Amino acid sequence: AKKHLGQHFLNDPNIARNIVEALRLPDGV
C-alpha cells in the first residue's frame, strides 16, 4: 500500500461481499 495514493487495502471478504451486495443496478445497469 502506498501512502501517497491513500491506499488502505480491505482484507475482509465478508465486508467485501456486503459492499458488492449493496449494488441495486437501477435503470437496467
PDB file of all heavy atoms in Angstrom:
ATOM      1  N   ALA A   1       0.840  -1.200   0.000  1.00  0.00           N
ATOM      2  CA  ALA A   1       0.000   0.000   0.000  1.00  0.00           C
ATOM      3  C   ALA A   1       0.873   1.248   0.000  1.00  0.00           C
ATOM      4  O   ALA A   1       1.866   1.323   0.723  1.00  0.00           O
ATOM      5  CB  ALA A   1      -0.923  -0.002   1.215  1.00  0.00           C
ATOM      6  N   LYS A   2       0.509   2.212  -0.831  1.00  0.00           N
ATOM      7  CA  LYS A   2       1.290   3.437  -0.964  1.00  0.00           C
ATOM      8  C   LYS A   2       0.563   4.597  -0.285  1.00  0.00           C
ATOM      9  O   LYS A   2      -0.577   4.929  -0.632  1.00  0.00           O
ATOM     10  CB  LYS A   2       1.509   3.742  -2.451  1.00  0.00           C
ATOM     11  CG  LYS A   2       2.328   2.647  -3.144  1.00  0.00           C
ATOM     12  CD  LYS A   2       2.399   2.849  -4.634  1.00  0.00           C
ATOM     13  CE  LYS A   2       3.236   1.750  -5.284  1.00  0.00           C
ATOM     14  NZ  LYS A   2       2.638   0.399  -5.082  1.00  0.00           N
ATOM     15  N   LYS A   3       1.252   5.195   0.659  1.00  0.00           N
ATOM     16  CA  LYS A   3       0.648   6.260   1.461  1.00  0.00           C
ATOM     17  C   LYS A   3       0.233   7.446   0.602  1.00  0.00           C
ATOM     18  O   LYS A   3      -0.826   8.044   0.805  1.00  0.00           O
ATOM     19  CB  LYS A   3       1.633   6.706   2.546  1.00  0.00           C
ATOM     20  CG  LYS A   3       1.041   7.681   3.548  1.00  0.00           C
ATOM     21  CD  LYS A   3       2.024   7.972   4.673  1.00  0.00           C
ATOM     22  CE  LYS A   3       1.405   8.904   5.703  1.00  0.00           C
ATOM     23  NZ  LYS A   3       2.361   9.188   6.822  1.00  0.00           N
ATOM     24  N   HIS A   4       1.054   7.794  -0.395  1.00  0.00           N
ATOM     25  CA  HIS A   4       0.753   8.979  -1.201  1.00  0.00           C
ATOM     26  C   HIS A   4      -0.477   8.781  -2.084  1.00  0.00           C
ATOM     27  O   HIS A   4      -1.045   9.749  -2.588  1.00  0.00           O
ATOM     28  CB  HIS A   4       1.973   9.381  -2.047  1.00  0.00           C
ATOM     29  CG  HIS A   4       2.243   8.488  -3.220  1.00  0.00           C
ATOM     30  ND1 HIS A   4       2.915   7.286  -3.088  1.00  0.00           N
ATOM     31  CD2 HIS A   4       1.929   8.603  -4.539  1.00  0.00           C
ATOM     32  CE1 HIS A   4       3.009   6.715  -4.272  1.00  0.00           C
ATOM     33  NE2 HIS A   4       2.416   7.480  -5.176  1.00  0.00           N
ATOM     34  N   LEU A   5      -0.892   7.511  -2.251  1.00  0.00           N
ATOM     35  CA  LEU A   5      -2.107   7.232  -3.019  1.00  0.00           C
ATOM     36  C   LEU A   5      -3.314   7.003  -2.105  1.00  0.00           C
ATOM     37  O   LEU A   5      -4.411   6.700  -2.579  1.00  0.00           O
ATOM     38  CB  LEU A   5      -1.904   6.001  -3.911  1.00  0.00           C
ATOM     39  CG  LEU A   5      -0.922   6.165  -5.073  1.00  0.00           C
ATOM     40  CD1 LEU A   5      -0.774   4.849  -5.840  1.00  0.00           C
ATOM     41  CD2 LEU A   5      -1.366   7.279  -6.020  1.00  0.00           C
ATOM     42  N   GLY A   6      -3.095   7.141  -0.796  1.00  0.00           N
ATOM     43  CA  GLY A   6      -4.187   6.958   0.150  1.00  0.00           C
ATOM     44  C   GLY A   6      -4.701   5.534   0.202  1.00  0.00           C
ATOM     45  O   GLY A   6      -5.871   5.306   0.492  1.00  0.00           O
ATOM     46  N   GLN A   7      -3.817   4.564  -0.050  1.00  0.00           N
ATOM     47  CA  GLN A   7      -4.261   3.171  -0.142  1.00  0.00           C
ATOM     48  C   GLN A   7      -4.340   2.496   1.232  1.00  0.00           C
ATOM     49  O   GLN A   7      -3.407   2.549   2.023  1.00  0.00           O
ATOM     50  CB  GLN A   7      -3.302   2.370  -1.029  1.00  0.00           C
ATOM     51  CG  GLN A   7      -3.364   2.749  -2.505  1.00  0.00           C
ATOM     52  CD  GLN A   7      -2.319   2.002  -3.324  1.00  0.00           C
ATOM     53  OE1 GLN A   7      -1.218   1.734  -2.850  1.00  0.00           O
ATOM     54  NE2 GLN A   7      -2.657   1.678  -4.556  1.00  0.00           N
ATOM     55  N   HIS A   8      -5.490   1.893   1.500  1.00  0.00           N
ATOM     56  CA  HIS A   8      -5.688   1.011   2.647  1.00  0.00           C
ATOM     57  C   HIS A   8      -6.472  -0.180   2.102  1.00  0.00           C
ATOM     58  O   HIS A   8      -7.665  -0.076   1.844  1.00  0.00           O
ATOM     59  CB  HIS A   8      -6.480   1.713   3.766  1.00  0.00           C
ATOM     60  CG  HIS A   8      -5.751   2.869   4.381  1.00  0.00           C
ATOM     61  ND1 HIS A   8      -4.831   2.731   5.397  1.00  0.00           N
ATOM     62  CD2 HIS A   8      -5.794   4.198   4.093  1.00  0.00           C
ATOM     63  CE1 HIS A   8      -4.344   3.920   5.719  1.00  0.00           C
ATOM     64  NE2 HIS A   8      -4.909   4.823   4.941  1.00  0.00           N
ATOM     65  N   PHE A   9      -5.800  -1.302   1.901  1.00  0.00           N
ATOM     66  CA  PHE A   9      -6.426  -2.438   1.240  1.00  0.00           C
ATOM     67  C   PHE A   9      -7.355  -3.188   2.204  1.00  0.00           C
ATOM     68  O   PHE A   9      -6.945  -3.582   3.302  1.00  0.00           O
ATOM     69  CB  PHE A   9      -5.368  -3.403   0.695  1.00  0.00           C
ATOM     70  CG  PHE A   9      -4.498  -2.804  -0.380  1.00  0.00           C
ATOM     71  CD1 PHE A   9      -3.140  -3.086  -0.435  1.00  0.00           C
ATOM     72  CD2 PHE A   9      -5.034  -1.960  -1.340  1.00  0.00           C
ATOM     73  CE1 PHE A   9      -2.326  -2.543  -1.434  1.00  0.00           C
ATOM     74  CE2 PHE A   9      -4.244  -1.423  -2.342  1.00  0.00           C
ATOM     75  CZ  PHE A   9      -2.889  -1.707  -2.386  1.00  0.00           C
ATOM     76  N   LEU A  10      -8.579  -3.384   1.791  1.00  0.00           N
ATOM     77  CA  LEU A  10      -9.530  -4.172   2.556  1.00  0.00           C
ATOM     78  C   LEU A  10      -9.102  -5.632   2.517  1.00  0.00           C
ATOM     79  O   LEU A  10      -8.746  -6.149   1.461  1.00  0.00           O
ATOM     80  CB  LEU A  10     -10.931  -4.012   1.950  1.00  0.00           C
ATOM     81  CG  LEU A  10     -12.069  -4.789   2.611  1.00  0.00           C
ATOM     82  CD1 LEU A  10     -12.332  -4.276   4.020  1.00  0.00           C
ATOM     83  CD2 LEU A  10     -13.342  -4.668   1.770  1.00  0.00           C
ATOM     84  N   ASN A  11      -9.126  -6.306   3.678  1.00  0.00           N
ATOM     85  CA  ASN A  11      -8.713  -7.710   3.694  1.00  0.00           C
ATOM     86  C   ASN A  11      -9.770  -8.631   4.306  1.00  0.00           C
ATOM     87  O   ASN A  11      -9.464  -9.766   4.672  1.00  0.00           O
ATOM     88  CB  ASN A  11      -7.360  -7.880   4.417  1.00  0.00           C
ATOM     89  CG  ASN A  11      -7.373  -7.308   5.827  1.00  0.00           C
ATOM     90  OD1 ASN A  11      -8.407  -7.300   6.489  1.00  0.00           O
ATOM     91  ND2 ASN A  11      -6.227  -6.819   6.285  1.00  0.00           N
ATOM     92  N   ASP A  12     -11.009  -8.142   4.393  1.00  0.00           N
ATOM     93  CA  ASP A  12     -12.091  -8.940   4.954  1.00  0.00           C
ATOM     94  C   ASP A  12     -13.090  -9.295   3.852  1.00  0.00           C
ATOM     95  O   ASP A  12     -13.836  -8.434   3.372  1.00  0.00           O
ATOM     96  CB  ASP A  12     -12.791  -8.145   6.069  1.00  0.00           C
ATOM     97  CG  ASP A  12     -13.826  -8.967   6.823  1.00  0.00           C
ATOM     98  OD1 ASP A  12     -14.568  -9.724   6.171  1.00  0.00           O
ATOM     99  OD2 ASP A  12     -13.903  -8.834   8.053  1.00  0.00           O
ATOM    100  N   PRO A  13     -13.126 -10.567   3.421  1.00  0.00           N
ATOM    101  CA  PRO A  13     -14.007 -10.952   2.312  1.00  0.00           C
ATOM    102  C   PRO A  13     -15.492 -10.800   2.636  1.00  0.00           C
ATOM    103  O   PRO A  13     -16.306 -10.593   1.731  1.00  0.00           O
ATOM    104  CB  PRO A  13     -13.643 -12.416   2.046  1.00  0.00           C
ATOM    105  CG  PRO A  13     -12.974 -12.885   3.297  1.00  0.00           C
ATOM    106  CD  PRO A  13     -12.306 -11.704   3.897  1.00  0.00           C
ATOM    107  N   ASN A  14     -15.871 -10.896   3.911  1.00  0.00           N
ATOM    108  CA  ASN A  14     -17.282 -10.730   4.279  1.00  0.00           C
ATOM    109  C   ASN A  14     -17.755  -9.300   4.059  1.00  0.00           C
ATOM    110  O   ASN A  14     -18.857  -9.055   3.552  1.00  0.00           O
ATOM    111  CB  ASN A  14     -17.507 -11.133   5.734  1.00  0.00           C
ATOM    112  CG  ASN A  14     -17.329 -12.629   5.955  1.00  0.00           C
ATOM    113  OD1 ASN A  14     -17.751 -13.430   5.115  1.00  0.00           O
ATOM    114  ND2 ASN A  14     -16.701 -12.997   7.051  1.00  0.00           N
ATOM    115  N   ILE A  15     -16.908  -8.343   4.428  1.00  0.00           N
ATOM    116  CA  ILE A  15     -17.250  -6.938   4.198  1.00  0.00           C
ATOM    117  C   ILE A  15     -17.260  -6.652   2.703  1.00  0.00           C
ATOM    118  O   ILE A  15     -18.135  -5.936   2.205  1.00  0.00           O
ATOM    119  CB  ILE A  15     -16.278  -6.006   4.953  1.00  0.00           C
ATOM    120  CG1 ILE A  15     -16.517  -6.132   6.460  1.00  0.00           C
ATOM    121  CG2 ILE A  15     -16.453  -4.548   4.503  1.00  0.00           C
ATOM    122  CD1 ILE A  15     -15.567  -5.339   7.315  1.00  0.00           C
ATOM    123  N   ALA A  16     -16.315  -7.242   1.980  1.00  0.00           N
ATOM    124  CA  ALA A  16     -16.298  -7.071   0.520  1.00  0.00           C
ATOM    125  C   ALA A  16     -17.608  -7.566  -0.079  1.00  0.00           C
ATOM    126  O   ALA A  16     -18.201  -6.910  -0.951  1.00  0.00           O
ATOM    127  CB  ALA A  16     -15.120  -7.829  -0.083  1.00  0.00           C
ATOM    128  N   ARG A  17     -18.083  -8.712   0.388  1.00  0.00           N
ATOM    129  CA  ARG A  17     -19.341  -9.256  -0.120  1.00  0.00           C
ATOM    130  C   ARG A  17     -20.521  -8.335   0.218  1.00  0.00           C
ATOM    131  O   ARG A  17     -21.398  -8.110  -0.604  1.00  0.00           O
ATOM    132  CB  ARG A  17     -19.574 -10.659   0.456  1.00  0.00           C
ATOM    133  CG  ARG A  17     -20.785 -11.367  -0.138  1.00  0.00           C
ATOM    134  CD  ARG A  17     -20.824 -12.839   0.229  1.00  0.00           C
ATOM    135  NE  ARG A  17     -20.862 -13.040   1.679  1.00  0.00           N
ATOM    136  CZ  ARG A  17     -19.844 -13.519   2.393  1.00  0.00           C
ATOM    137  NH1 ARG A  17     -18.712 -13.835   1.788  1.00  0.00           N
ATOM    138  NH2 ARG A  17     -19.951 -13.680   3.699  1.00  0.00           N
ATOM    139  N   ASN A  18     -20.516  -7.780   1.435  1.00  0.00           N
ATOM    140  CA  ASN A  18     -21.596  -6.858   1.826  1.00  0.00           C
ATOM    141  C   ASN A  18     -21.611  -5.602   0.957  1.00  0.00           C
ATOM    142  O   ASN A  18     -22.680  -5.095   0.613  1.00  0.00           O
ATOM    143  CB  ASN A  18     -21.438  -6.461   3.295  1.00  0.00           C
ATOM    144  CG  ASN A  18     -21.720  -7.598   4.251  1.00  0.00           C
ATOM    145  OD1 ASN A  18     -22.380  -8.567   3.880  1.00  0.00           O
ATOM    146  ND2 ASN A  18     -21.210  -7.507   5.464  1.00  0.00           N
ATOM    147  N   ILE A  19     -20.423  -5.122   0.599  1.00  0.00           N
ATOM    148  CA  ILE A  19     -20.339  -3.929  -0.256  1.00  0.00           C
ATOM    149  C   ILE A  19     -20.890  -4.235  -1.640  1.00  0.00           C
ATOM    150  O   ILE A  19     -21.702  -3.484  -2.190  1.00  0.00           O
ATOM    151  CB  ILE A  19     -18.878  -3.431  -0.347  1.00  0.00           C
ATOM    152  CG1 ILE A  19     -18.402  -2.926   1.027  1.00  0.00           C
ATOM    153  CG2 ILE A  19     -18.749  -2.324  -1.385  1.00  0.00           C
ATOM    154  CD1 ILE A  19     -16.921  -2.618   1.076  1.00  0.00           C
ATOM    155  N   VAL A  20     -20.479  -5.363  -2.207  1.00  0.00           N
ATOM    156  CA  VAL A  20     -20.942  -5.743  -3.544  1.00  0.00           C
ATOM    157  C   VAL A  20     -22.448  -5.993  -3.547  1.00  0.00           C
ATOM    158  O   VAL A  20     -23.159  -5.593  -4.480  1.00  0.00           O
ATOM    159  CB  VAL A  20     -20.171  -6.984  -4.051  1.00  0.00           C
ATOM    160  CG1 VAL A  20     -20.794  -7.513  -5.338  1.00  0.00           C
ATOM    161  CG2 VAL A  20     -18.703  -6.623  -4.293  1.00  0.00           C
ATOM    162  N   GLU A  21     -22.946  -6.624  -2.492  1.00  0.00           N
ATOM    163  CA  GLU A  21     -24.380  -6.925  -2.422  1.00  0.00           C
ATOM    164  C   GLU A  21     -25.229  -5.676  -2.232  1.00  0.00           C
ATOM    165  O   GLU A  21     -26.453  -5.726  -2.393  1.00  0.00           O
ATOM    166  CB  GLU A  21     -24.649  -7.942  -1.308  1.00  0.00           C
ATOM    167  CG  GLU A  21     -24.147  -9.341  -1.648  1.00  0.00           C
ATOM    168  CD  GLU A  21     -24.355 -10.348  -0.527  1.00  0.00           C
ATOM    169  OE1 GLU A  21     -24.773  -9.930   0.576  1.00  0.00           O
ATOM    170  OE2 GLU A  21     -24.091 -11.542  -0.765  1.00  0.00           O
ATOM    171  N   ALA A  22     -24.599  -4.563  -1.913  1.00  0.00           N
ATOM    172  CA  ALA A  22     -25.337  -3.297  -1.772  1.00  0.00           C
ATOM    173  C   ALA A  22     -25.705  -2.697  -3.135  1.00  0.00           C
ATOM    174  O   ALA A  22     -26.531  -1.781  -3.209  1.00  0.00           O
ATOM    175  CB  ALA A  22     -24.517  -2.294  -0.968  1.00  0.00           C
ATOM    176  N   LEU A  23     -25.089  -3.212  -4.204  1.00  0.00           N
ATOM    177  CA  LEU A  23     -25.451  -2.748  -5.546  1.00  0.00           C
ATOM    178  C   LEU A  23     -26.898  -3.124  -5.859  1.00  0.00           C
ATOM    179  O   LEU A  23     -27.316  -4.259  -5.642  1.00  0.00           O
ATOM    180  CB  LEU A  23     -24.533  -3.375  -6.600  1.00  0.00           C
ATOM    181  CG  LEU A  23     -23.097  -2.852  -6.685  1.00  0.00           C
ATOM    182  CD1 LEU A  23     -22.263  -3.764  -7.577  1.00  0.00           C
ATOM    183  CD2 LEU A  23     -23.067  -1.419  -7.216  1.00  0.00           C
ATOM    184  N   ARG A  24     -27.653  -2.168  -6.405  1.00  0.00           N
ATOM    185  CA  ARG A  24     -29.047  -2.420  -6.768  1.00  0.00           C
ATOM    186  C   ARG A  24     -29.266  -2.394  -8.287  1.00  0.00           C
ATOM    187  O   ARG A  24     -30.315  -2.741  -8.773  1.00  0.00           O
ATOM    188  CB  ARG A  24     -29.958  -1.384  -6.098  1.00  0.00           C
ATOM    189  CG  ARG A  24     -30.015  -1.500  -4.583  1.00  0.00           C
ATOM    190  CD  ARG A  24     -30.735  -2.763  -4.165  1.00  0.00           C
ATOM    191  NE  ARG A  24     -30.749  -2.930  -2.717  1.00  0.00           N
ATOM    192  CZ  ARG A  24     -29.897  -3.689  -2.047  1.00  0.00           C
ATOM    193  NH1 ARG A  24     -28.936  -4.334  -2.705  1.00  0.00           N
ATOM    194  NH2 ARG A  24     -29.981  -3.816  -0.751  1.00  0.00           N
ATOM    195  N   LEU A  25     -28.261  -1.930  -9.034  1.00  0.00           N
ATOM    196  CA  LEU A  25     -28.317  -1.885 -10.502  1.00  0.00           C
ATOM    197  C   LEU A  25     -29.614  -1.234 -11.011  1.00  0.00           C
ATOM    198  O   LEU A  25     -30.393  -1.855 -11.738  1.00  0.00           O
ATOM    199  CB  LEU A  25     -28.170  -3.292 -11.087  1.00  0.00           C
ATOM    200  CG  LEU A  25     -26.931  -4.077 -10.646  1.00  0.00           C
ATOM    201  CD1 LEU A  25     -26.972  -5.485 -11.215  1.00  0.00           C
ATOM    202  CD2 LEU A  25     -25.664  -3.363 -11.059  1.00  0.00           C
ATOM    203  N   PRO A  26     -29.851   0.021 -10.665  1.00  0.00           N
ATOM    204  CA  PRO A  26     -31.074   0.685 -11.124  1.00  0.00           C
ATOM    205  C   PRO A  26     -31.037   0.965 -12.616  1.00  0.00           C
ATOM    206  O   PRO A  26     -29.971   0.967 -13.245  1.00  0.00           O
ATOM    207  CB  PRO A  26     -31.068   1.996 -10.328  1.00  0.00           C
ATOM    208  CG  PRO A  26     -29.615   2.281 -10.098  1.00  0.00           C
ATOM    209  CD  PRO A  26     -28.981   0.930  -9.912  1.00  0.00           C
ATOM    210  N   ASP A  27     -32.210   1.206 -13.191  1.00  0.00           N
ATOM    211  CA  ASP A  27     -32.324   1.617 -14.597  1.00  0.00           C
ATOM    212  C   ASP A  27     -31.689   0.625 -15.562  1.00  0.00           C
ATOM    213  O   ASP A  27     -31.159   0.996 -16.605  1.00  0.00           O
ATOM    214  CB  ASP A  27     -31.690   3.004 -14.814  1.00  0.00           C
ATOM    215  CG  ASP A  27     -32.325   4.065 -13.941  1.00  0.00           C
ATOM    216  OD1 ASP A  27     -33.535   3.950 -13.665  1.00  0.00           O
ATOM    217  OD2 ASP A  27     -31.626   4.996 -13.523  1.00  0.00           O
ATOM    218  N   GLY A  28     -31.718  -0.659 -15.211  1.00  0.00           N
ATOM    219  CA  GLY A  28     -31.179  -1.659 -16.119  1.00  0.00           C
ATOM    220  C   GLY A  28     -29.673  -1.581 -16.301  1.00  0.00           C
ATOM    221  O   GLY A  28     -29.144  -1.923 -17.368  1.00  0.00           O
ATOM    222  N   VAL A  29     -28.952  -1.132 -15.287  1.00  0.00           N
ATOM    223  CA  VAL A  29     -27.493  -1.013 -15.373  1.00  0.00           C
ATOM    224  C   VAL A  29     -26.862  -2.378 -15.635  1.00  0.00           C
ATOM    225  O   VAL A  29     -27.166  -3.367 -14.954  1.00  0.00           O
ATOM    226  CB  VAL A  29     -26.926  -0.411 -14.064  1.00  0.00           C
ATOM    227  CG1 VAL A  29     -25.409  -0.584 -13.997  1.00  0.00           C
ATOM    228  CG2 VAL A  29     -27.283   1.069 -13.954  1.00  0.00           C
TER     229      VAL A  29
END
